PDB file of N, CA and C in Angstrom:
ATOM      1  N   UNK A   1       0.846  -1.268   0.045  1.00  0.00           N
ATOM      2  CA  UNK A   1       0.181   0.002   0.114  1.00  0.00           C
ATOM      3  C   UNK A   1       0.758   1.316  -0.073  1.00  0.00           C
ATOM      4  N   UNK A   2       0.450   2.164  -0.883  1.00  0.00           N
ATOM      5  CA  UNK A   2       1.483   3.493  -0.926  1.00  0.00           C
ATOM      6  C   UNK A   2       1.184   4.337   0.265  1.00  0.00           C
ATOM      7  N   UNK A   3       2.053   5.117   0.713  1.00  0.00           N
ATOM      8  CA  UNK A   3       1.792   5.790   1.845  1.00  0.00           C
ATOM      9  C   UNK A   3       0.962   6.977   1.528  1.00  0.00           C
ATOM     10  N   UNK A   4      -0.027   7.066   2.238  1.00  0.00           N
ATOM     11  CA  UNK A   4      -0.870   8.484   2.102  1.00  0.00           C
ATOM     12  C   UNK A   4      -0.333   9.491   2.485  1.00  0.00           C
ATOM     13  N   UNK A   5      -0.494  10.606   2.094  1.00  0.00           N
ATOM     14  CA  UNK A   5      -0.034  12.294   2.415  1.00  0.00           C
ATOM     15  C   UNK A   5      -1.352  12.466   3.142  1.00  0.00           C
ATOM     16  N   UNK A   6      -0.595  13.724   3.951  1.00  0.00           N
ATOM     17  CA  UNK A   6      -1.773  14.319   4.559  1.00  0.00           C
ATOM     18  C   UNK A   6      -3.055  14.893   4.009  1.00  0.00           C
ATOM     19  N   UNK A   7      -2.700  15.465   2.564  1.00  0.00           N
ATOM     20  CA  UNK A   7      -3.899  15.815   1.822  1.00  0.00           C
ATOM     21  C   UNK A   7      -4.773  15.012   1.362  1.00  0.00           C
ATOM     22  N   UNK A   8      -4.061  13.456   0.948  1.00  0.00           N
ATOM     23  CA  UNK A   8      -4.865  12.438   0.965  1.00  0.00           C
ATOM     24  C   UNK A   8      -5.706  11.903   1.936  1.00  0.00           C
ATOM     25  N   UNK A   9      -5.476  11.846   3.193  1.00  0.00           N
ATOM     26  CA  UNK A   9      -5.973  11.528   4.398  1.00  0.00           C
ATOM     27  C   UNK A   9      -7.166  12.653   4.316  1.00  0.00           C
ATOM     28  N   UNK A  10      -6.977  13.836   4.374  1.00  0.00           N
ATOM     29  CA  UNK A  10      -7.760  14.983   4.237  1.00  0.00           C
ATOM     30  C   UNK A  10      -9.105  14.685   3.161  1.00  0.00           C
ATOM     31  N   UNK A  11      -8.577  14.334   2.085  1.00  0.00           N
ATOM     32  CA  UNK A  11      -9.764  13.801   1.116  1.00  0.00           C
ATOM     33  C   UNK A  11     -10.613  12.760   1.156  1.00  0.00           C
ATOM     34  N   UNK A  12      -9.726  11.747   1.977  1.00  0.00           N
ATOM     35  CA  UNK A  12     -10.393  10.343   2.177  1.00  0.00           C
ATOM     36  C   UNK A  12     -11.538  10.639   3.317  1.00  0.00           C
ATOM     37  N   UNK A  13     -11.022  11.449   4.412  1.00  0.00           N
ATOM     38  CA  UNK A  13     -12.169  11.921   5.513  1.00  0.00           C
ATOM     39  C   UNK A  13     -13.306  12.787   4.954  1.00  0.00           C
ATOM     40  N   UNK A  14     -12.981  13.570   3.935  1.00  0.00           N
ATOM     41  CA  UNK A  14     -14.287  14.300   3.307  1.00  0.00           C
ATOM     42  C   UNK A  14     -15.040  13.239   2.582  1.00  0.00           C
ATOM     43  N   UNK A  15     -14.515  12.429   1.810  1.00  0.00           N
ATOM     44  CA  UNK A  15     -15.124  11.538   1.100  1.00  0.00           C
ATOM     45  C   UNK A  15     -15.825  10.675   2.121  1.00  0.00           C
ATOM     46  N   UNK A  16     -15.496  10.083   3.210  1.00  0.00           N
ATOM     47  CA  UNK A  16     -16.106   9.177   4.056  1.00  0.00           C
ATOM     48  C   UNK A  16     -17.320   9.890   4.745  1.00  0.00           C
ATOM     49  N   UNK A  17     -17.234  10.983   4.670  1.00  0.00           N
ATOM     50  CA  UNK A  17     -18.382  11.998   5.242  1.00  0.00           C
ATOM     51  C   UNK A  17     -19.510  12.058   4.301  1.00  0.00           C
ATOM     52  N   UNK A  18     -19.147  12.263   3.133  1.00  0.00           N
ATOM     53  CA  UNK A  18     -20.259  12.266   2.015  1.00  0.00           C
ATOM     54  C   UNK A  18     -20.927  11.077   1.864  1.00  0.00           C
ATOM     55  N   UNK A  19     -20.150   9.929   2.061  1.00  0.00           N
ATOM     56  CA  UNK A  19     -20.723   8.153   1.923  1.00  0.00           C
ATOM     57  C   UNK A  19     -21.519   8.213   3.126  1.00  0.00           C
ATOM     58  N   UNK A  20     -21.097   8.522   4.029  1.00  0.00           N
ATOM     59  CA  UNK A  20     -21.891   8.312   5.487  1.00  0.00           C
ATOM     60  C   UNK A  20     -23.346   8.982   5.413  1.00  0.00           C
ATOM     61  N   UNK A  21     -23.467  10.210   4.676  1.00  0.00           N
ATOM     62  CA  UNK A  21     -24.610  10.649   4.596  1.00  0.00           C
ATOM     63  C   UNK A  21     -25.311  10.195   3.517  1.00  0.00           C
ATOM     64  N   UNK A  22     -24.819   9.875   2.644  1.00  0.00           N
ATOM     65  CA  UNK A  22     -25.435   9.128   1.178  1.00  0.00           C
ATOM     66  C   UNK A  22     -26.025   7.674   1.571  1.00  0.00           C
ATOM     67  N   UNK A  23     -25.390   7.148   2.259  1.00  0.00           N
ATOM     68  CA  UNK A  23     -25.693   5.509   2.650  1.00  0.00           C
ATOM     69  C   UNK A  23     -27.418   5.644   3.344  1.00  0.00           C
ATOM     70  N   UNK A  24     -27.283   6.620   4.029  1.00  0.00           N
ATOM     71  CA  UNK A  24     -28.651   6.526   4.711  1.00  0.00           C
ATOM     72  C   UNK A  24     -29.929   7.136   3.750  1.00  0.00           C
ATOM     73  N   UNK A  25     -29.759   7.340   2.590  1.00  0.00           N
ATOM     74  CA  UNK A  25     -30.617   7.811   1.795  1.00  0.00           C
ATOM     75  C   UNK A  25     -31.764   6.886   1.460  1.00  0.00           C
ATOM     76  N   UNK A  26     -33.029   7.003   1.400  1.00  0.00           N
ATOM     77  CA  UNK A  26     -33.965   5.940   1.342  1.00  0.00           C
ATOM     78  C   UNK A  26     -34.217   5.798  -0.229  1.00  0.00           C
ATOM     79  N   UNK A  27     -33.564   6.430  -1.216  1.00  0.00           N
ATOM     80  CA  UNK A  27     -33.653   6.050  -2.398  1.00  0.00           C
ATOM     81  C   UNK A  27     -32.739   5.333  -2.984  1.00  0.00           C
ATOM     82  N   UNK A  28     -31.939   4.898  -2.134  1.00  0.00           N
ATOM     83  CA  UNK A  28     -30.916   3.717  -2.682  1.00  0.00           C
ATOM     84  C   UNK A  28     -31.544   2.253  -2.405  1.00  0.00           C
ATOM     85  N   UNK A  29     -31.112   1.365  -3.192  1.00  0.00           N
ATOM     86  CA  UNK A  29     -31.499   0.024  -3.224  1.00  0.00           C
ATOM     87  C   UNK A  29     -30.532  -0.699  -2.383  1.00  0.00           C
ATOM     88  N   UNK A  30     -30.776  -1.838  -2.189  1.00  0.00           N
ATOM     89  CA  UNK A  30     -30.140  -2.514  -1.221  1.00  0.00           C
ATOM     90  C   UNK A  30     -28.709  -2.846  -1.637  1.00  0.00           C
ATOM     91  N   UNK A  31     -28.493  -3.114  -2.880  1.00  0.00           N
ATOM     92  CA  UNK A  31     -27.227  -3.312  -3.549  1.00  0.00           C
ATOM     93  C   UNK A  31     -26.328  -1.992  -3.665  1.00  0.00           C
ATOM     94  N   UNK A  32     -26.814  -0.871  -3.943  1.00  0.00           N
ATOM     95  CA  UNK A  32     -26.040   0.338  -3.812  1.00  0.00           C
ATOM     96  C   UNK A  32     -25.754   0.805  -2.481  1.00  0.00           C
ATOM     97  N   UNK A  33     -26.679   0.275  -1.447  1.00  0.00           N
ATOM     98  CA  UNK A  33     -26.245   0.621  -0.207  1.00  0.00           C
ATOM     99  C   UNK A  33     -25.210  -0.233   0.089  1.00  0.00           C
ATOM    100  N   UNK A  34     -25.159  -1.372  -0.122  1.00  0.00           N
ATOM    101  CA  UNK A  34     -24.074  -2.452   0.039  1.00  0.00           C
ATOM    102  C   UNK A  34     -22.753  -1.956  -0.581  1.00  0.00           C
ATOM    103  N   UNK A  35     -22.880  -1.526  -1.790  1.00  0.00           N
ATOM    104  CA  UNK A  35     -21.587  -0.970  -2.599  1.00  0.00           C
ATOM    105  C   UNK A  35     -21.067   0.297  -1.733  1.00  0.00           C
ATOM    106  N   UNK A  36     -22.061   1.062  -1.297  1.00  0.00           N
ATOM    107  CA  UNK A  36     -21.636   1.966  -0.186  1.00  0.00           C
ATOM    108  C   UNK A  36     -20.751   1.703   0.837  1.00  0.00           C
ATOM    109  N   UNK A  37     -21.587   0.781   1.708  1.00  0.00           N
ATOM    110  CA  UNK A  37     -20.953   0.239   2.767  1.00  0.00           C
ATOM    111  C   UNK A  37     -19.512  -0.108   2.618  1.00  0.00           C
ATOM    112  N   UNK A  38     -19.297  -1.089   1.440  1.00  0.00           N
ATOM    113  CA  UNK A  38     -18.052  -1.475   1.184  1.00  0.00           C
ATOM    114  C   UNK A  38     -17.120  -0.427   0.935  1.00  0.00           C
ATOM    115  N   UNK A  39     -17.456   0.767   0.004  1.00  0.00           N
ATOM    116  CA  UNK A  39     -16.612   1.640   0.052  1.00  0.00           C
ATOM    117  C   UNK A  39     -16.145   2.376   1.316  1.00  0.00           C
ATOM    118  N   UNK A  40     -17.251   2.643   2.103  1.00  0.00           N
ATOM    119  CA  UNK A  40     -16.994   3.041   3.527  1.00  0.00           C
ATOM    120  C   UNK A  40     -15.807   2.248   4.209  1.00  0.00           C
ATOM    121  N   UNK A  41     -15.938   1.162   4.136  1.00  0.00           N
ATOM    122  CA  UNK A  41     -15.165   0.218   4.963  1.00  0.00           C
ATOM    123  C   UNK A  41     -13.754   0.070   4.422  1.00  0.00           C
ATOM    124  N   UNK A  42     -13.686   0.132   3.098  1.00  0.00           N
ATOM    125  CA  UNK A  42     -12.232   0.332   2.412  1.00  0.00           C
ATOM    126  C   UNK A  42     -11.545   1.661   2.931  1.00  0.00           C
ATOM    127  N   UNK A  43     -12.249   2.840   2.814  1.00  0.00           N
ATOM    128  CA  UNK A  43     -11.739   4.071   3.315  1.00  0.00           C
ATOM    129  C   UNK A  43     -11.518   3.990   4.915  1.00  0.00           C
ATOM    130  N   UNK A  44     -12.384   3.426   5.426  1.00  0.00           N
ATOM    131  CA  UNK A  44     -11.808   3.381   7.146  1.00  0.00           C
ATOM    132  C   UNK A  44     -10.796   2.608   7.205  1.00  0.00           C
ATOM    133  N   UNK A  45     -10.309   1.506   6.293  1.00  0.00           N
ATOM    134  CA  UNK A  45      -9.148   0.701   6.662  1.00  0.00           C
ATOM    135  C   UNK A  45      -7.992   1.235   6.103  1.00  0.00           C
ATOM    136  N   UNK A  46      -8.210   2.255   5.055  1.00  0.00           N
ATOM    137  CA  UNK A  46      -7.037   3.162   4.649  1.00  0.00           C
ATOM    138  C   UNK A  46      -6.661   3.899   5.928  1.00  0.00           C
ATOM    139  N   UNK A  47      -7.678   4.646   6.305  1.00  0.00           N
ATOM    140  CA  UNK A  47      -7.142   5.783   7.418  1.00  0.00           C
ATOM    141  C   UNK A  47      -7.060   5.253   8.590  1.00  0.00           C
ATOM    142  N   UNK A  48      -7.320   4.044   8.929  1.00  0.00           N
ATOM    143  CA  UNK A  48      -6.831   3.067  10.143  1.00  0.00           C
ATOM    144  C   UNK A  48      -5.405   2.749   9.848  1.00  0.00           C
ATOM    145  N   UNK A  49      -5.147   2.224   9.018  1.00  0.00           N
ATOM    146  CA  UNK A  49      -3.459   1.974   8.469  1.00  0.00           C
ATOM    147  C   UNK A  49      -2.644   3.063   8.648  1.00  0.00           C
ATOM    148  N   UNK A  50      -3.378   4.423   8.033  1.00  0.00           N
ATOM    149  CA  UNK A  50      -2.439   5.623   8.179  1.00  0.00           C
ATOM    150  C   UNK A  50      -2.210   6.067   9.765  1.00  0.00           C
ATOM    151  N   UNK A  51      -3.113   5.793  10.416  1.00  0.00           N
ATOM    152  CA  UNK A  51      -3.132   6.205  12.027  1.00  0.00           C
ATOM    153  C   UNK A  51      -2.028   5.319  12.643  1.00  0.00           C
ATOM    154  N   UNK A  52      -2.302   3.981  12.254  1.00  0.00           N
ATOM    155  CA  UNK A  52      -1.198   3.045  12.692  1.00  0.00           C
ATOM    156  C   UNK A  52      -0.013   3.216  12.540  1.00  0.00           C
ATOM    157  N   UNK A  53       0.349   3.580  11.294  1.00  0.00           N
ATOM    158  CA  UNK A  53       1.723   3.921  10.648  1.00  0.00           C
ATOM    159  C   UNK A  53       2.337   5.293  10.814  1.00  0.00           C
ATOM    160  N   UNK A  54       1.685   6.282  11.330  1.00  0.00           N
ATOM    161  CA  UNK A  54       1.815   7.554  11.267  1.00  0.00           C
ATOM    162  C   UNK A  54       3.090   8.019  12.056  1.00  0.00           C
ATOM    163  N   UNK A  55       3.372   7.179  13.030  1.00  0.00           N
ATOM    164  CA  UNK A  55       4.555   7.231  13.956  1.00  0.00           C
ATOM    165  C   UNK A  55       5.433   6.366  13.646  1.00  0.00           C
ATOM    166  N   UNK A  56       6.775   6.809  13.596  1.00  0.00           N
ATOM    167  CA  UNK A  56       7.945   5.836  13.333  1.00  0.00           C
ATOM    168  C   UNK A  56       8.439   5.431  14.734  1.00  0.00           C
ATOM    169  N   UNK A  57       9.204   4.358  14.802  1.00  0.00           N
ATOM    170  CA  UNK A  57       9.681   3.948  16.181  1.00  0.00           C
ATOM    171  C   UNK A  57      10.329   5.250  17.215  1.00  0.00           C
ATOM    172  N   UNK A  58      10.700   6.277  16.441  1.00  0.00           N
ATOM    173  CA  UNK A  58      11.029   7.458  17.204  1.00  0.00           C
ATOM    174  C   UNK A  58      10.080   8.365  17.678  1.00  0.00           C
ATOM    175  N   UNK A  59       8.963   8.011  17.446  1.00  0.00           N
ATOM    176  CA  UNK A  59       7.758   8.833  18.000  1.00  0.00           C
ATOM    177  C   UNK A  59       7.549   9.907  17.130  1.00  0.00           C
ATOM    178  N   UNK A  60       8.151  10.048  15.901  1.00  0.00           N
ATOM    179  CA  UNK A  60       8.036  11.290  14.753  1.00  0.00           C
ATOM    180  C   UNK A  60       7.026  10.772  14.044  1.00  0.00           C
ATOM    181  N   UNK A  61       6.034  11.855  13.398  1.00  0.00           N
ATOM    182  CA  UNK A  61       5.200  11.507  12.391  1.00  0.00           C
ATOM    183  C   UNK A  61       6.284  11.394  10.973  1.00  0.00           C
ATOM    184  N   UNK A  62       6.067  10.306  10.412  1.00  0.00           N
ATOM    185  CA  UNK A  62       6.756  10.242   9.225  1.00  0.00           C
ATOM    186  C   UNK A  62       6.140  10.973   7.961  1.00  0.00           C
ATOM    187  N   UNK A  63       5.055  11.425   8.014  1.00  0.00           N
ATOM    188  CA  UNK A  63       4.362  12.317   6.809  1.00  0.00           C
ATOM    189  C   UNK A  63       4.597  13.790   7.545  1.00  0.00           C
ATOM    190  N   UNK A  64       5.130  14.367   8.443  1.00  0.00           N
ATOM    191  CA  UNK A  64       5.514  15.684   8.527  1.00  0.00           C
ATOM    192  C   UNK A  64       6.820  16.053   8.243  1.00  0.00           C
ATOM    193  N   UNK A  65       6.937  17.121   7.901  1.00  0.00           N
ATOM    194  CA  UNK A  65       8.234  17.689   7.702  1.00  0.00           C
ATOM    195  C   UNK A  65       8.828  18.507   8.718  1.00  0.00           C
ATOM    196  N   UNK A  66      10.214  18.573   8.974  1.00  0.00           N
ATOM    197  CA  UNK A  66      10.518  19.245   9.997  1.00  0.00           C
ATOM    198  C   UNK A  66      11.081  18.390  11.174  1.00  0.00           C
TER     199      UNK A  66
END
């Protein structure tokens, strides 16, 4: 998996918020809702992986400069 940058994480969090709202729409079919749930879980996995890997052994953020 490629390392996510902070802008990537920001974009994923925005997309996650949009999908969370969209999945509760009564206009969606069961299959559409399942597809959205799959996409939501995929994004949550990516964000979780980022959170687990964002600190190196030295306790510094590997995605931050400085």
